[in-house]
Amino acid sequence: MRDDLVYLKDIINAINDIEEFIIGMDQKQFLSDKKTIQACIRELEIIGEAVKNISSDIIESYPQIQWKAIAGMRDKLIHGYFGVKINLVWKTITEDIPFLKTEIIKIIDIKEK
């Protein structure tokens, strides 16, 4: 089994990719760019899958992170429940991901000490 630190770094790598994909874009540009949408969705799936593999010790120690919601979004993206709402993807990557990145970096810093 992989260590939590590996999954946490997977999350950071996926977030960094998302940030790179959308650099300089506004919502209108994002919504009209199918390749970027699909790339960001894939990275969100990776984040969700990593979250599902993180130990309960980490999950319970950092309740400020909405672990369950992240995993749930992954399921919706993978399985296409009721269609994927692209506006929600944009909101997630521009509003929620920055907070997640900050928190995951804090956890990594603690785990690496």
N, C-alpha and C. Protein backbone atom coordinates (compact mmCIF):
# COMPACT_ATOMS: atom_id res chain seq x y z
N MET A 1 0.84 -1.19 0.00
CA MET A 1 0.00 0.00 0.00
C MET A 1 0.89 1.25 0.00
N ARG A 2 0.47 2.23 -0.75
CA ARG A 2 1.22 3.48 -0.83
C ARG A 2 1.03 4.29 0.45
N ASP A 3 2.02 5.08 0.76
CA ASP A 3 2.01 5.95 1.93
C ASP A 3 1.13 7.17 1.67
N ASP A 4 0.54 7.70 2.74
CA ASP A 4 -0.28 8.91 2.62
C ASP A 4 0.46 10.04 1.92
N LEU A 5 1.73 10.17 2.20
CA LEU A 5 2.52 11.24 1.61
C LEU A 5 2.51 11.17 0.08
N VAL A 6 2.54 9.98 -0.45
CA VAL A 6 2.50 9.80 -1.91
C VAL A 6 1.16 10.30 -2.46
N TYR A 7 0.07 9.94 -1.80
CA TYR A 7 -1.26 10.40 -2.24
C TYR A 7 -1.39 11.91 -2.12
N LEU A 8 -0.87 12.46 -1.04
CA LEU A 8 -0.92 13.92 -0.86
C LEU A 8 -0.14 14.63 -1.96
N LYS A 9 0.99 14.06 -2.32
CA LYS A 9 1.78 14.65 -3.42
C LYS A 9 1.08 14.47 -4.76
N ASP A 10 0.36 13.37 -4.94
CA ASP A 10 -0.45 13.20 -6.15
C ASP A 10 -1.47 14.32 -6.27
N ILE A 11 -2.08 14.67 -5.14
CA ILE A 11 -3.06 15.75 -5.12
C ILE A 11 -2.41 17.07 -5.52
N ILE A 12 -1.26 17.36 -4.95
CA ILE A 12 -0.56 18.61 -5.29
C ILE A 12 -0.17 18.63 -6.76
N ASN A 13 0.32 17.51 -7.28
CA ASN A 13 0.68 17.45 -8.70
C ASN A 13 -0.53 17.70 -9.59
N ALA A 14 -1.66 17.13 -9.23
CA ALA A 14 -2.88 17.33 -10.02
C ALA A 14 -3.33 18.79 -9.95
N ILE A 15 -3.25 19.38 -8.78
CA ILE A 15 -3.62 20.79 -8.62
C ILE A 15 -2.68 21.67 -9.45
N ASN A 16 -1.40 21.39 -9.41
CA ASN A 16 -0.44 22.16 -10.21
C ASN A 16 -0.76 22.06 -11.69
N ASP A 17 -1.15 20.87 -12.14
CA ASP A 17 -1.53 20.70 -13.55
C ASP A 17 -2.76 21.54 -13.88
N ILE A 18 -3.76 21.50 -13.02
CA ILE A 18 -4.97 22.30 -13.24
C ILE A 18 -4.61 23.77 -13.34
N GLU A 19 -3.80 24.24 -12.41
CA GLU A 19 -3.40 25.65 -12.43
C GLU A 19 -2.70 26.01 -13.74
N GLU A 20 -1.86 25.11 -14.21
CA GLU A 20 -1.16 25.34 -15.48
C GLU A 20 -2.14 25.36 -16.65
N PHE A 21 -3.10 24.44 -16.64
CA PHE A 21 -4.06 24.36 -17.74
C PHE A 21 -4.90 25.62 -17.89
N ILE A 22 -5.25 26.25 -16.77
CA ILE A 22 -6.19 27.38 -16.83
C ILE A 22 -5.52 28.75 -16.71
N ILE A 23 -4.20 28.77 -16.69
CA ILE A 23 -3.51 30.04 -16.52
C ILE A 23 -3.95 31.04 -17.60
N GLY A 24 -4.32 32.23 -17.15
CA GLY A 24 -4.74 33.29 -18.06
C GLY A 24 -6.15 33.15 -18.60
N MET A 25 -6.88 32.14 -18.17
CA MET A 25 -8.24 31.92 -18.67
C MET A 25 -9.27 32.54 -17.74
N ASP A 26 -10.35 33.02 -18.35
CA ASP A 26 -11.51 33.38 -17.55
C ASP A 26 -12.55 32.28 -17.76
N GLN A 27 -13.68 32.42 -17.10
CA GLN A 27 -14.70 31.37 -17.17
C GLN A 27 -15.19 31.15 -18.60
N LYS A 28 -15.41 32.22 -19.33
CA LYS A 28 -15.92 32.10 -20.70
C LYS A 28 -14.94 31.32 -21.58
N GLN A 29 -13.66 31.63 -21.45
CA GLN A 29 -12.65 30.92 -22.24
C GLN A 29 -12.61 29.45 -21.84
N PHE A 30 -12.67 29.20 -20.55
CA PHE A 30 -12.65 27.82 -20.06
C PHE A 30 -13.84 27.04 -20.62
N LEU A 31 -15.02 27.62 -20.52
CA LEU A 31 -16.23 26.91 -20.94
C LEU A 31 -16.26 26.61 -22.44
N SER A 32 -15.45 27.32 -23.21
CA SER A 32 -15.43 27.08 -24.66
C SER A 32 -14.21 26.25 -25.09
N ASP A 33 -13.44 25.75 -24.14
CA ASP A 33 -12.22 25.00 -24.45
C ASP A 33 -12.35 23.55 -23.97
N LYS A 34 -12.84 22.71 -24.87
CA LYS A 34 -13.14 21.32 -24.52
C LYS A 34 -11.90 20.56 -24.01
N LYS A 35 -10.76 20.81 -24.62
CA LYS A 35 -9.55 20.09 -24.19
C LYS A 35 -9.18 20.45 -22.75
N THR A 36 -9.27 21.73 -22.43
CA THR A 36 -8.93 22.16 -21.07
C THR A 36 -9.95 21.62 -20.07
N ILE A 37 -11.21 21.65 -20.45
CA ILE A 37 -12.26 21.10 -19.58
C ILE A 37 -11.96 19.64 -19.27
N GLN A 38 -11.70 18.86 -20.31
CA GLN A 38 -11.45 17.43 -20.12
C GLN A 38 -10.18 17.18 -19.31
N ALA A 39 -9.15 17.98 -19.55
CA ALA A 39 -7.91 17.82 -18.79
C ALA A 39 -8.13 18.13 -17.31
N CYS A 40 -8.89 19.18 -17.03
CA CYS A 40 -9.16 19.54 -15.63
C CYS A 40 -10.03 18.50 -14.95
N ILE A 41 -11.01 18.00 -15.67
CA ILE A 41 -11.86 16.94 -15.11
C ILE A 41 -11.00 15.72 -14.75
N ARG A 42 -10.09 15.36 -15.62
CA ARG A 42 -9.21 14.21 -15.34
C ARG A 42 -8.39 14.44 -14.08
N GLU A 43 -7.86 15.64 -13.92
CA GLU A 43 -7.07 15.94 -12.72
C GLU A 43 -7.95 15.93 -11.47
N LEU A 44 -9.19 16.39 -11.58
CA LEU A 44 -10.11 16.32 -10.44
C LEU A 44 -10.40 14.87 -10.08
N GLU A 45 -10.50 14.01 -11.09
CA GLU A 45 -10.69 12.58 -10.84
C GLU A 45 -9.49 12.00 -10.08
N ILE A 46 -8.30 12.41 -10.48
CA ILE A 46 -7.08 11.94 -9.81
C ILE A 46 -7.07 12.40 -8.36
N ILE A 47 -7.44 13.66 -8.13
CA ILE A 47 -7.51 14.18 -6.76
C ILE A 47 -8.49 13.35 -5.94
N GLY A 48 -9.66 13.10 -6.49
CA GLY A 48 -10.67 12.32 -5.79
C GLY A 48 -10.22 10.90 -5.49
N GLU A 49 -9.55 10.29 -6.44
CA GLU A 49 -9.05 8.93 -6.23
C GLU A 49 -7.97 8.91 -5.15
N ALA A 50 -7.10 9.91 -5.15
CA ALA A 50 -6.07 9.99 -4.10
C ALA A 50 -6.72 10.15 -2.73
N VAL A 51 -7.73 11.01 -2.65
CA VAL A 51 -8.43 11.23 -1.38
C VAL A 51 -9.03 9.93 -0.86
N LYS A 52 -9.57 9.12 -1.75
CA LYS A 52 -10.18 7.86 -1.33
C LYS A 52 -9.16 6.89 -0.73
N ASN A 53 -7.89 7.12 -1.01
CA ASN A 53 -6.84 6.22 -0.52
C ASN A 53 -6.08 6.75 0.68
N ILE A 54 -6.40 7.96 1.10
CA ILE A 54 -5.73 8.55 2.26
C ILE A 54 -6.28 7.90 3.54
N SER A 55 -5.40 7.66 4.48
CA SER A 55 -5.79 6.98 5.72
C SER A 55 -6.80 7.78 6.53
N SER A 56 -7.56 7.06 7.33
CA SER A 56 -8.54 7.71 8.20
C SER A 56 -7.86 8.61 9.23
N ASP A 57 -6.61 8.31 9.58
CA ASP A 57 -5.87 9.18 10.52
C ASP A 57 -5.75 10.59 9.96
N ILE A 58 -5.40 10.70 8.70
CA ILE A 58 -5.28 12.02 8.06
C ILE A 58 -6.65 12.66 7.94
N ILE A 59 -7.62 11.90 7.47
CA ILE A 59 -8.99 12.41 7.28
C ILE A 59 -9.51 12.99 8.59
N GLU A 60 -9.36 12.26 9.66
CA GLU A 60 -9.88 12.70 10.96
C GLU A 60 -9.08 13.85 11.56
N SER A 61 -7.81 13.92 11.22
CA SER A 61 -6.95 14.98 11.77
C SER A 61 -7.15 16.34 11.08
N TYR A 62 -7.74 16.32 9.90
CA TYR A 62 -7.91 17.56 9.13
C TYR A 62 -9.36 17.70 8.66
N PRO A 63 -10.28 17.91 9.60
CA PRO A 63 -11.70 17.99 9.24
C PRO A 63 -12.07 19.24 8.44
N GLN A 64 -11.18 20.23 8.39
CA GLN A 64 -11.46 21.43 7.62
C GLN A 64 -11.47 21.16 6.11
N ILE A 65 -10.90 20.04 5.72
CA ILE A 65 -10.92 19.63 4.31
C ILE A 65 -12.15 18.76 4.09
N GLN A 66 -12.89 19.05 3.07
CA GLN A 66 -14.13 18.32 2.79
C GLN A 66 -13.82 17.04 1.99
N TRP A 67 -13.18 16.11 2.66
CA TRP A 67 -12.72 14.88 2.03
C TRP A 67 -13.86 14.14 1.32
N LYS A 68 -14.98 14.01 2.01
CA LYS A 68 -16.11 13.25 1.46
C LYS A 68 -16.65 13.91 0.19
N ALA A 69 -16.73 15.23 0.20
CA ALA A 69 -17.22 15.96 -0.97
C ALA A 69 -16.26 15.80 -2.16
N ILE A 70 -14.97 15.79 -1.87
CA ILE A 70 -13.97 15.62 -2.93
C ILE A 70 -14.11 14.23 -3.56
N ALA A 71 -14.23 13.22 -2.73
CA ALA A 71 -14.40 11.86 -3.23
C ALA A 71 -15.72 11.73 -3.99
N GLY A 72 -16.75 12.38 -3.49
CA GLY A 72 -18.06 12.34 -4.15
C GLY A 72 -18.03 13.00 -5.51
N MET A 73 -17.30 14.09 -5.63
CA MET A 73 -17.19 14.75 -6.93
C MET A 73 -16.48 13.84 -7.92
N ARG A 74 -15.46 13.15 -7.44
CA ARG A 74 -14.75 12.20 -8.31
C ARG A 74 -15.71 11.16 -8.87
N ASP A 75 -16.58 10.63 -8.01
CA ASP A 75 -17.54 9.64 -8.46
C ASP A 75 -18.48 10.21 -9.52
N LYS A 76 -18.94 11.44 -9.30
CA LYS A 76 -19.83 12.08 -10.27
C LYS A 76 -19.13 12.30 -11.60
N LEU A 77 -17.87 12.69 -11.55
CA LEU A 77 -17.12 12.93 -12.79
C LEU A 77 -16.84 11.63 -13.53
N ILE A 78 -16.42 10.62 -12.80
CA ILE A 78 -16.09 9.32 -13.42
C ILE A 78 -17.33 8.68 -14.03
N HIS A 79 -18.41 8.68 -13.30
CA HIS A 79 -19.60 7.95 -13.71
C HIS A 79 -20.61 8.81 -14.45
N GLY A 80 -20.34 10.12 -14.50
CA GLY A 80 -21.21 11.03 -15.25
C GLY A 80 -22.63 11.10 -14.73
N TYR A 81 -22.79 10.98 -13.41
CA TYR A 81 -24.12 11.05 -12.84
C TYR A 81 -24.80 12.35 -13.25
N PHE A 82 -25.93 12.22 -13.92
CA PHE A 82 -26.76 13.36 -14.31
C PHE A 82 -26.00 14.39 -15.14
N GLY A 83 -24.95 13.97 -15.81
CA GLY A 83 -24.16 14.89 -16.62
C GLY A 83 -23.26 15.73 -15.74
N VAL A 84 -22.15 16.11 -16.30
CA VAL A 84 -21.19 16.93 -15.56
C VAL A 84 -21.52 18.40 -15.80
N LYS A 85 -21.66 19.14 -14.73
CA LYS A 85 -21.94 20.57 -14.83
C LYS A 85 -20.61 21.32 -14.91
N ILE A 86 -20.32 21.82 -16.10
CA ILE A 86 -19.02 22.45 -16.34
C ILE A 86 -18.85 23.71 -15.51
N ASN A 87 -19.94 24.43 -15.25
CA ASN A 87 -19.84 25.62 -14.38
C ASN A 87 -19.37 25.22 -12.98
N LEU A 88 -19.81 24.06 -12.51
CA LEU A 88 -19.37 23.56 -11.20
C LEU A 88 -17.89 23.18 -11.23
N VAL A 89 -17.44 22.63 -12.35
CA VAL A 89 -16.02 22.31 -12.49
C VAL A 89 -15.21 23.59 -12.39
N TRP A 90 -15.63 24.65 -13.09
CA TRP A 90 -14.92 25.93 -13.04
C TRP A 90 -14.90 26.49 -11.61
N LYS A 91 -16.06 26.45 -10.96
CA LYS A 91 -16.15 26.95 -9.58
C LYS A 91 -15.20 26.16 -8.67
N THR A 92 -15.18 24.87 -8.84
CA THR A 92 -14.32 24.02 -8.02
C THR A 92 -12.84 24.36 -8.22
N ILE A 93 -12.43 24.47 -9.47
CA ILE A 93 -11.00 24.69 -9.72
C ILE A 93 -10.55 26.11 -9.40
N THR A 94 -11.48 27.06 -9.41
CA THR A 94 -11.07 28.44 -9.12
C THR A 94 -11.34 28.86 -7.68
N GLU A 95 -12.29 28.22 -7.01
CA GLU A 95 -12.64 28.62 -5.65
C GLU A 95 -12.22 27.60 -4.58
N ASP A 96 -12.37 26.33 -4.87
CA ASP A 96 -12.11 25.30 -3.86
C ASP A 96 -10.68 24.76 -3.90
N ILE A 97 -10.14 24.62 -5.09
CA ILE A 97 -8.80 24.04 -5.24
C ILE A 97 -7.71 24.88 -4.56
N PRO A 98 -7.75 26.22 -4.63
CA PRO A 98 -6.70 26.97 -3.92
C PRO A 98 -6.64 26.68 -2.42
N PHE A 99 -7.81 26.58 -1.78
CA PHE A 99 -7.85 26.23 -0.35
C PHE A 99 -7.29 24.83 -0.13
N LEU A 100 -7.72 23.89 -0.96
CA LEU A 100 -7.25 22.52 -0.83
C LEU A 100 -5.73 22.46 -0.96
N LYS A 101 -5.19 23.18 -1.93
CA LYS A 101 -3.74 23.18 -2.13
C LYS A 101 -3.01 23.67 -0.88
N THR A 102 -3.49 24.78 -0.32
CA THR A 102 -2.88 25.33 0.89
C THR A 102 -2.89 24.32 2.02
N GLU A 103 -4.02 23.67 2.22
CA GLU A 103 -4.15 22.70 3.32
C GLU A 103 -3.29 21.46 3.09
N ILE A 104 -3.27 20.97 1.87
CA ILE A 104 -2.47 19.77 1.57
C ILE A 104 -0.98 20.06 1.74
N ILE A 105 -0.55 21.24 1.32
CA ILE A 105 0.86 21.62 1.52
C ILE A 105 1.20 21.64 3.01
N LYS A 106 0.29 22.15 3.84
CA LYS A 106 0.53 22.15 5.29
C LYS A 106 0.70 20.72 5.82
N ILE A 107 -0.16 19.83 5.35
CA ILE A 107 -0.10 18.43 5.81
C ILE A 107 1.22 17.80 5.36
N ILE A 108 1.59 18.03 4.11
CA ILE A 108 2.85 17.48 3.60
C ILE A 108 4.03 17.99 4.43
N ASP A 109 4.03 19.28 4.71
CA ASP A 109 5.12 19.85 5.52
C ASP A 109 5.22 19.17 6.88
N ILE A 110 4.09 18.92 7.50
CA ILE A 110 4.08 18.24 8.81
C ILE A 110 4.57 16.80 8.67
N LYS A 111 4.09 16.09 7.65
CA LYS A 111 4.46 14.68 7.45
C LYS A 111 5.94 14.51 7.11
N GLU A 112 6.52 15.51 6.46
CA GLU A 112 7.92 15.39 6.04
C GLU A 112 8.91 15.77 7.14
N LYS A 113 8.42 16.34 8.24
CA LYS A 113 9.32 16.72 9.34
C LYS A 113 9.71 15.53 10.17
